[in-house]
Amino acid sequence: MSTQHVRRSYSFVCLECGHGWESAFEVDVTVDRYGRIEAAYHLGGERVPSPLQSPKCVKCESGKIRIMRPGRVTGARLHEG
């Protein structure tokens, strides 16, 4: 088995309430001897579920979330009036 430690960042926007946020995750990606891949996501030192599966809004808890590349939320805020 081999494990690689990577950092992945995502931007999120709630399609229900409009709240946007960004998070950076530490990810331990393990490949077993059969070639199966497992990813363990960590946020703030705590193991969390994958943000790509069933994400929830941190403000209203809606599941209607759009996931984007990092910097999209911050970039949109810079262009607001």
PDB file of N, CA and C in Angstrom:
ATOM      1  N   MET A   1       0.844  -1.191   0.000  1.00  0.00           N
ATOM      2  CA  MET A   1       0.000   0.000   0.000  1.00  0.00           C
ATOM      3  C   MET A   1       0.880   1.241   0.000  1.00  0.00           C
ATOM      4  N   SER A   2       0.417   2.254  -0.711  1.00  0.00           N
ATOM      5  CA  SER A   2       1.130   3.527  -0.686  1.00  0.00           C
ATOM      6  C   SER A   2       0.122   4.637  -0.427  1.00  0.00           C
ATOM      7  N   THR A   3       0.572   5.638   0.316  1.00  0.00           N
ATOM      8  CA  THR A   3      -0.290   6.771   0.645  1.00  0.00           C
ATOM      9  C   THR A   3       0.383   8.061   0.220  1.00  0.00           C
ATOM     10  N   GLN A   4      -0.386   8.897  -0.433  1.00  0.00           N
ATOM     11  CA  GLN A   4       0.099  10.214  -0.843  1.00  0.00           C
ATOM     12  C   GLN A   4      -0.731  11.262  -0.112  1.00  0.00           C
ATOM     13  N   HIS A   5      -0.078  12.280   0.394  1.00  0.00           N
ATOM     14  CA  HIS A   5      -0.759  13.367   1.099  1.00  0.00           C
ATOM     15  C   HIS A   5      -0.838  14.561   0.147  1.00  0.00           C
ATOM     16  N   VAL A   6      -2.058  15.011  -0.118  1.00  0.00           N
ATOM     17  CA  VAL A   6      -2.262  16.138  -1.027  1.00  0.00           C
ATOM     18  C   VAL A   6      -3.204  17.145  -0.394  1.00  0.00           C
ATOM     19  N   ARG A   7      -3.190  18.351  -0.930  1.00  0.00           N
ATOM     20  CA  ARG A   7      -4.090  19.413  -0.467  1.00  0.00           C
ATOM     21  C   ARG A   7      -5.014  19.748  -1.629  1.00  0.00           C
ATOM     22  N   ARG A   8      -6.321  19.753  -1.382  1.00  0.00           N
ATOM     23  CA  ARG A   8      -7.311  20.070  -2.401  1.00  0.00           C
ATOM     24  C   ARG A   8      -8.217  21.184  -1.876  1.00  0.00           C
ATOM     25  N   SER A   9      -8.421  22.187  -2.706  1.00  0.00           N
ATOM     26  CA  SER A   9      -9.289  23.304  -2.342  1.00  0.00           C
ATOM     27  C   SER A   9     -10.478  23.339  -3.285  1.00  0.00           C
ATOM     28  N   TYR A  10     -11.614  23.743  -2.747  1.00  0.00           N
ATOM     29  CA  TYR A  10     -12.844  23.843  -3.524  1.00  0.00           C
ATOM     30  C   TYR A  10     -13.597  25.104  -3.119  1.00  0.00           C
ATOM     31  N   SER A  11     -14.345  25.661  -4.055  1.00  0.00           N
ATOM     32  CA  SER A  11     -15.297  26.736  -3.782  1.00  0.00           C
ATOM     33  C   SER A  11     -16.689  26.117  -3.830  1.00  0.00           C
ATOM     34  N   PHE A  12     -17.552  26.582  -2.962  1.00  0.00           N
ATOM     35  CA  PHE A  12     -18.925  26.082  -2.894  1.00  0.00           C
ATOM     36  C   PHE A  12     -19.885  27.257  -2.918  1.00  0.00           C
ATOM     37  N   VAL A  13     -21.037  27.083  -3.541  1.00  0.00           N
ATOM     38  CA  VAL A  13     -22.105  28.074  -3.453  1.00  0.00           C
ATOM     39  C   VAL A  13     -23.418  27.316  -3.278  1.00  0.00           C
ATOM     40  N   CYS A  14     -24.227  27.809  -2.353  1.00  0.00           N
ATOM     41  CA  CYS A  14     -25.520  27.199  -2.085  1.00  0.00           C
ATOM     42  C   CYS A  14     -26.530  27.767  -3.079  1.00  0.00           C
ATOM     43  N   LEU A  15     -27.205  26.901  -3.808  1.00  0.00           N
ATOM     44  CA  LEU A  15     -28.196  27.336  -4.782  1.00  0.00           C
ATOM     45  C   LEU A  15     -29.528  27.672  -4.114  1.00  0.00           C
ATOM     46  N   GLU A  16     -29.621  27.390  -2.825  1.00  0.00           N
ATOM     47  CA  GLU A  16     -30.840  27.696  -2.068  1.00  0.00           C
ATOM     48  C   GLU A  16     -30.774  29.103  -1.453  1.00  0.00           C
ATOM     49  N   CYS A  17     -29.708  29.388  -0.693  1.00  0.00           N
ATOM     50  CA  CYS A  17     -29.627  30.675   0.019  1.00  0.00           C
ATOM     51  C   CYS A  17     -28.590  31.634  -0.567  1.00  0.00           C
ATOM     52  N   GLY A  18     -27.741  31.153  -1.501  1.00  0.00           N
ATOM     53  CA  GLY A  18     -26.753  32.017  -2.127  1.00  0.00           C
ATOM     54  C   GLY A  18     -25.442  32.158  -1.377  1.00  0.00           C
ATOM     55  N   HIS A  19     -25.318  31.498  -0.231  1.00  0.00           N
ATOM     56  CA  HIS A  19     -24.080  31.589   0.557  1.00  0.00           C
ATOM     57  C   HIS A  19     -22.936  30.924  -0.199  1.00  0.00           C
ATOM     58  N   GLY A  20     -21.760  31.542  -0.195  1.00  0.00           N
ATOM     59  CA  GLY A  20     -20.578  30.975  -0.834  1.00  0.00           C
ATOM     60  C   GLY A  20     -19.447  30.848   0.167  1.00  0.00           C
ATOM     61  N   TRP A  21     -18.641  29.812   0.026  1.00  0.00           N
ATOM     62  CA  TRP A  21     -17.493  29.614   0.910  1.00  0.00           C
ATOM     63  C   TRP A  21     -16.442  28.767   0.203  1.00  0.00           C
ATOM     64  N   GLU A  22     -15.257  28.789   0.758  1.00  0.00           N
ATOM     65  CA  GLU A  22     -14.158  27.997   0.225  1.00  0.00           C
ATOM     66  C   GLU A  22     -13.529  27.194   1.357  1.00  0.00           C
ATOM     67  N   SER A  23     -13.073  26.003   1.010  1.00  0.00           N
ATOM     68  CA  SER A  23     -12.422  25.150   2.004  1.00  0.00           C
ATOM     69  C   SER A  23     -11.237  24.452   1.366  1.00  0.00           C
ATOM     70  N   ALA A  24     -10.173  24.281   2.161  1.00  0.00           N
ATOM     71  CA  ALA A  24      -8.984  23.558   1.728  1.00  0.00           C
ATOM     72  C   ALA A  24      -8.869  22.303   2.583  1.00  0.00           C
ATOM     73  N   PHE A  25      -8.774  21.171   1.944  1.00  0.00           N
ATOM     74  CA  PHE A  25      -8.747  19.875   2.622  1.00  0.00           C
ATOM     75  C   PHE A  25      -7.381  19.227   2.477  1.00  0.00           C
ATOM     76  N   GLU A  26      -6.961  18.555   3.531  1.00  0.00           N
ATOM     77  CA  GLU A  26      -5.799  17.673   3.461  1.00  0.00           C
ATOM     78  C   GLU A  26      -6.376  16.302   3.120  1.00  0.00           C
ATOM     79  N   VAL A  27      -5.818  15.660   2.104  1.00  0.00           N
ATOM     80  CA  VAL A  27      -6.365  14.387   1.650  1.00  0.00           C
ATOM     81  C   VAL A  27      -5.267  13.326   1.662  1.00  0.00           C
ATOM     82  N   ASP A  28      -5.555  12.217   2.305  1.00  0.00           N
ATOM     83  CA  ASP A  28      -4.662  11.059   2.279  1.00  0.00           C
ATOM     84  C   ASP A  28      -5.220  10.096   1.237  1.00  0.00           C
ATOM     85  N   VAL A  29      -4.507   9.929   0.132  1.00  0.00           N
ATOM     86  CA  VAL A  29      -4.937   9.047  -0.952  1.00  0.00           C
ATOM     87  C   VAL A  29      -4.112   7.767  -0.860  1.00  0.00           C
ATOM     88  N   THR A  30      -4.802   6.656  -0.631  1.00  0.00           N
ATOM     89  CA  THR A  30      -4.142   5.367  -0.467  1.00  0.00           C
ATOM     90  C   THR A  30      -4.536   4.439  -1.607  1.00  0.00           C
ATOM     91  N   VAL A  31      -3.545   3.766  -2.168  1.00  0.00           N
ATOM     92  CA  VAL A  31      -3.766   2.745  -3.200  1.00  0.00           C
ATOM     93  C   VAL A  31      -3.320   1.419  -2.612  1.00  0.00           C
ATOM     94  N   ASP A  32      -4.265   0.451  -2.558  1.00  0.00           N
ATOM     95  CA  ASP A  32      -3.899  -0.848  -1.993  1.00  0.00           C
ATOM     96  C   ASP A  32      -3.256  -1.733  -3.063  1.00  0.00           C
ATOM     97  N   ARG A  33      -2.869  -2.917  -2.692  1.00  0.00           N
ATOM     98  CA  ARG A  33      -2.148  -3.796  -3.611  1.00  0.00           C
ATOM     99  C   ARG A  33      -3.002  -4.278  -4.779  1.00  0.00           C
ATOM    100  N   TYR A  34      -4.309  -4.067  -4.699  1.00  0.00           N
ATOM    101  CA  TYR A  34      -5.211  -4.435  -5.792  1.00  0.00           C
ATOM    102  C   TYR A  34      -5.534  -3.243  -6.690  1.00  0.00           C
ATOM    103  N   GLY A  35      -4.946  -2.093  -6.390  1.00  0.00           N
ATOM    104  CA  GLY A  35      -5.181  -0.896  -7.191  1.00  0.00           C
ATOM    105  C   GLY A  35      -6.406  -0.103  -6.786  1.00  0.00           C
ATOM    106  N   ARG A  36      -7.035  -0.474  -5.690  1.00  0.00           N
ATOM    107  CA  ARG A  36      -8.211   0.271  -5.205  1.00  0.00           C
ATOM    108  C   ARG A  36      -7.739   1.544  -4.514  1.00  0.00           C
ATOM    109  N   ILE A  37      -8.438   2.622  -4.799  1.00  0.00           N
ATOM    110  CA  ILE A  37      -8.071   3.934  -4.259  1.00  0.00           C
ATOM    111  C   ILE A  37      -9.060   4.337  -3.172  1.00  0.00           C
ATOM    112  N   GLU A  38      -8.511   4.825  -2.059  1.00  0.00           N
ATOM    113  CA  GLU A  38      -9.340   5.348  -0.968  1.00  0.00           C
ATOM    114  C   GLU A  38      -8.802   6.724  -0.607  1.00  0.00           C
ATOM    115  N   ALA A  39      -9.709   7.681  -0.461  1.00  0.00           N
ATOM    116  CA  ALA A  39      -9.312   9.042  -0.091  1.00  0.00           C
ATOM    117  C   ALA A  39      -9.937   9.390   1.256  1.00  0.00           C
ATOM    118  N   ALA A  40      -9.112   9.839   2.190  1.00  0.00           N
ATOM    119  CA  ALA A  40      -9.571  10.279   3.509  1.00  0.00           C
ATOM    120  C   ALA A  40      -9.378  11.790   3.583  1.00  0.00           C
ATOM    121  N   TYR A  41     -10.469  12.530   3.725  1.00  0.00           N
ATOM    122  CA  TYR A  41     -10.442  13.995   3.763  1.00  0.00           C
ATOM    123  C   TYR A  41     -10.356  14.482   5.205  1.00  0.00           C
ATOM    124  N   HIS A  42      -9.543  15.536   5.410  1.00  0.00           N
ATOM    125  CA  HIS A  42      -9.405  16.154   6.732  1.00  0.00           C
ATOM    126  C   HIS A  42      -9.554  17.667   6.588  1.00  0.00           C
ATOM    127  N   LEU A  43     -10.265  18.255   7.520  1.00  0.00           N
ATOM    128  CA  LEU A  43     -10.472  19.701   7.550  1.00  0.00           C
ATOM    129  C   LEU A  43     -10.235  20.161   8.985  1.00  0.00           C
ATOM    130  N   GLY A  44      -9.258  21.042   9.173  1.00  0.00           N
ATOM    131  CA  GLY A  44      -8.940  21.508  10.524  1.00  0.00           C
ATOM    132  C   GLY A  44      -8.482  20.394  11.439  1.00  0.00           C
ATOM    133  N   GLY A  45      -7.805  19.385  10.879  1.00  0.00           N
ATOM    134  CA  GLY A  45      -7.300  18.286  11.684  1.00  0.00           C
ATOM    135  C   GLY A  45      -8.312  17.189  11.969  1.00  0.00           C
ATOM    136  N   GLU A  46      -9.559  17.383  11.578  1.00  0.00           N
ATOM    137  CA  GLU A  46     -10.614  16.397  11.817  1.00  0.00           C
ATOM    138  C   GLU A  46     -10.950  15.675  10.521  1.00  0.00           C
ATOM    139  N   ARG A  47     -11.163  14.368  10.597  1.00  0.00           N
ATOM    140  CA  ARG A  47     -11.597  13.636   9.409  1.00  0.00           C
ATOM    141  C   ARG A  47     -13.041  14.000   9.114  1.00  0.00           C
ATOM    142  N   VAL A  48     -13.323  14.297   7.844  1.00  0.00           N
ATOM    143  CA  VAL A  48     -14.653  14.702   7.399  1.00  0.00           C
ATOM    144  C   VAL A  48     -15.044  13.878   6.172  1.00  0.00           C
ATOM    145  N   PRO A  49     -16.354  13.817   5.879  1.00  0.00           N
ATOM    146  CA  PRO A  49     -16.762  13.136   4.653  1.00  0.00           C
ATOM    147  C   PRO A  49     -16.241  13.890   3.430  1.00  0.00           C
ATOM    148  N   SER A  50     -16.147  13.198   2.314  1.00  0.00           N
ATOM    149  CA  SER A  50     -15.718  13.842   1.086  1.00  0.00           C
ATOM    150  C   SER A  50     -16.647  15.005   0.760  1.00  0.00           C
ATOM    151  N   PRO A  51     -16.082  16.177   0.446  1.00  0.00           N
ATOM    152  CA  PRO A  51     -16.925  17.323   0.105  1.00  0.00           C
ATOM    153  C   PRO A  51     -17.590  17.153  -1.261  1.00  0.00           C
ATOM    154  N   LEU A  52     -17.196  16.138  -1.996  1.00  0.00           N
ATOM    155  CA  LEU A  52     -17.750  15.891  -3.325  1.00  0.00           C
ATOM    156  C   LEU A  52     -18.978  14.988  -3.287  1.00  0.00           C
ATOM    157  N   GLN A  53     -19.247  14.382  -2.149  1.00  0.00           N
ATOM    158  CA  GLN A  53     -20.396  13.502  -1.997  1.00  0.00           C
ATOM    159  C   GLN A  53     -21.342  14.083  -0.964  1.00  0.00           C
ATOM    160  N   SER A  54     -22.521  14.433  -1.378  1.00  0.00           N
ATOM    161  CA  SER A  54     -23.576  14.964  -0.496  1.00  0.00           C
ATOM    162  C   SER A  54     -23.142  16.176   0.319  1.00  0.00           C
ATOM    163  N   PRO A  55     -22.602  17.225  -0.319  1.00  0.00           N
ATOM    164  CA  PRO A  55     -22.222  18.425   0.442  1.00  0.00           C
ATOM    165  C   PRO A  55     -23.458  19.135   0.996  1.00  0.00           C
ATOM    166  N   LYS A  56     -23.277  19.847   2.080  1.00  0.00           N
ATOM    167  CA  LYS A  56     -24.345  20.611   2.724  1.00  0.00           C
ATOM    168  C   LYS A  56     -23.885  22.050   2.912  1.00  0.00           C
ATOM    169  N   CYS A  57     -24.806  22.984   2.785  1.00  0.00           N
ATOM    170  CA  CYS A  57     -24.510  24.395   3.018  1.00  0.00           C
ATOM    171  C   CYS A  57     -24.183  24.603   4.493  1.00  0.00           C
ATOM    172  N   VAL A  58     -23.107  25.327   4.758  1.00  0.00           N
ATOM    173  CA  VAL A  58     -22.716  25.588   6.143  1.00  0.00           C
ATOM    174  C   VAL A  58     -23.629  26.611   6.804  1.00  0.00           C
ATOM    175  N   LYS A  59     -24.453  27.301   6.009  1.00  0.00           N
ATOM    176  CA  LYS A  59     -25.350  28.317   6.560  1.00  0.00           C
ATOM    177  C   LYS A  59     -26.772  27.785   6.747  1.00  0.00           C
ATOM    178  N   CYS A  60     -27.366  27.192   5.676  1.00  0.00           N
ATOM    179  CA  CYS A  60     -28.770  26.762   5.763  1.00  0.00           C
ATOM    180  C   CYS A  60     -28.945  25.243   5.715  1.00  0.00           C
ATOM    181  N   GLU A  61     -27.850  24.510   5.538  1.00  0.00           N
ATOM    182  CA  GLU A  61     -27.825  23.048   5.493  1.00  0.00           C
ATOM    183  C   GLU A  61     -28.520  22.440   4.278  1.00  0.00           C
ATOM    184  N   SER A  62     -28.775  23.239   3.247  1.00  0.00           N
ATOM    185  CA  SER A  62     -29.354  22.725   2.010  1.00  0.00           C
ATOM    186  C   SER A  62     -28.343  21.816   1.313  1.00  0.00           C
ATOM    187  N   GLY A  63     -28.830  20.879   0.560  1.00  0.00           N
ATOM    188  CA  GLY A  63     -27.969  19.997  -0.219  1.00  0.00           C
ATOM    189  C   GLY A  63     -27.821  20.443  -1.664  1.00  0.00           C
ATOM    190  N   LYS A  64     -28.395  21.607  -2.003  1.00  0.00           N
ATOM    191  CA  LYS A  64     -28.305  22.127  -3.371  1.00  0.00           C
ATOM    192  C   LYS A  64     -27.039  22.977  -3.484  1.00  0.00           C
ATOM    193  N   ILE A  65     -25.920  22.320  -3.736  1.00  0.00           N
ATOM    194  CA  ILE A  65     -24.612  22.968  -3.716  1.00  0.00           C
ATOM    195  C   ILE A  65     -23.941  22.851  -5.072  1.00  0.00           C
ATOM    196  N   ARG A  66     -23.337  23.924  -5.528  1.00  0.00           N
ATOM    197  CA  ARG A  66     -22.482  23.876  -6.710  1.00  0.00           C
ATOM    198  C   ARG A  66     -21.046  23.915  -6.220  1.00  0.00           C
ATOM    199  N   ILE A  67     -20.236  22.990  -6.731  1.00  0.00           N
ATOM    200  CA  ILE A  67     -18.822  22.912  -6.373  1.00  0.00           C
ATOM    201  C   ILE A  67     -18.018  23.428  -7.557  1.00  0.00           C
ATOM    202  N   MET A  68     -17.076  24.332  -7.261  1.00  0.00           N
ATOM    203  CA  MET A  68     -16.283  24.959  -8.318  1.00  0.00           C
ATOM    204  C   MET A  68     -14.804  24.891  -7.966  1.00  0.00           C
ATOM    205  N   ARG A  69     -13.975  25.269  -8.923  1.00  0.00           N
ATOM    206  CA  ARG A  69     -12.534  25.296  -8.656  1.00  0.00           C
ATOM    207  C   ARG A  69     -12.242  26.373  -7.613  1.00  0.00           C
ATOM    208  N   PRO A  70     -11.124  26.266  -6.914  1.00  0.00           N
ATOM    209  CA  PRO A  70     -10.796  27.233  -5.858  1.00  0.00           C
ATOM    210  C   PRO A  70     -10.647  28.651  -6.414  1.00  0.00           C
ATOM    211  N   GLY A  71     -11.011  29.626  -5.591  1.00  0.00           N
ATOM    212  CA  GLY A  71     -10.869  31.029  -5.951  1.00  0.00           C
ATOM    213  C   GLY A  71     -12.104  31.644  -6.572  1.00  0.00           C
ATOM    214  N   ARG A  72     -13.093  30.833  -6.911  1.00  0.00           N
ATOM    215  CA  ARG A  72     -14.296  31.355  -7.573  1.00  0.00           C
ATOM    216  C   ARG A  72     -15.131  32.236  -6.634  1.00  0.00           C
ATOM    217  N   VAL A  73     -15.272  31.849  -5.392  1.00  0.00           N
ATOM    218  CA  VAL A  73     -16.071  32.636  -4.448  1.00  0.00           C
ATOM    219  C   VAL A  73     -15.346  33.924  -4.097  1.00  0.00           C
ATOM    220  N   THR A  74     -14.058  33.823  -3.784  1.00  0.00           N
ATOM    221  CA  THR A  74     -13.280  35.011  -3.456  1.00  0.00           C
ATOM    222  C   THR A  74     -13.237  35.984  -4.635  1.00  0.00           C
ATOM    223  N   GLY A  75     -13.061  35.462  -5.844  1.00  0.00           N
ATOM    224  CA  GLY A  75     -13.036  36.303  -7.033  1.00  0.00           C
ATOM    225  C   GLY A  75     -14.345  37.009  -7.257  1.00  0.00           C
ATOM    226  N   ALA A  76     -15.473  36.339  -7.015  1.00  0.00           N
ATOM    227  CA  ALA A  76     -16.789  36.957  -7.178  1.00  0.00           C
ATOM    228  C   ALA A  76     -16.988  38.076  -6.157  1.00  0.00           C
ATOM    229  N   ARG A  77     -16.504  37.883  -4.948  1.00  0.00           N
ATOM    230  CA  ARG A  77     -16.651  38.917  -3.911  1.00  0.00           C
ATOM    231  C   ARG A  77     -15.846  40.171  -4.258  1.00  0.00           C
ATOM    232  N   LEU A  78     -14.707  39.998  -4.905  1.00  0.00           N
ATOM    233  CA  LEU A  78     -13.886  41.149  -5.292  1.00  0.00           C
ATOM    234  C   LEU A  78     -14.580  42.001  -6.339  1.00  0.00           C
ATOM    235  N   HIS A  79     -15.442  41.398  -7.143  1.00  0.00           N
ATOM    236  CA  HIS A  79     -16.117  42.127  -8.221  1.00  0.00           C
ATOM    237  C   HIS A  79     -17.472  42.666  -7.814  1.00  0.00           C
ATOM    238  N   GLU A  80     -17.918  42.411  -6.586  1.00  0.00           N
ATOM    239  CA  GLU A  80     -19.191  42.949  -6.115  1.00  0.00           C
ATOM    240  C   GLU A  80     -19.058  44.433  -5.863  1.00  0.00           C
ATOM    241  N   GLY A  81     -20.164  45.149  -6.081  1.00  0.00           N
ATOM    242  CA  GLY A  81     -20.235  46.590  -5.956  1.00  0.00           C
ATOM    243  C   GLY A  81     -19.627  47.140  -4.742  1.00  0.00           C
TER     244      GLY A  81
END
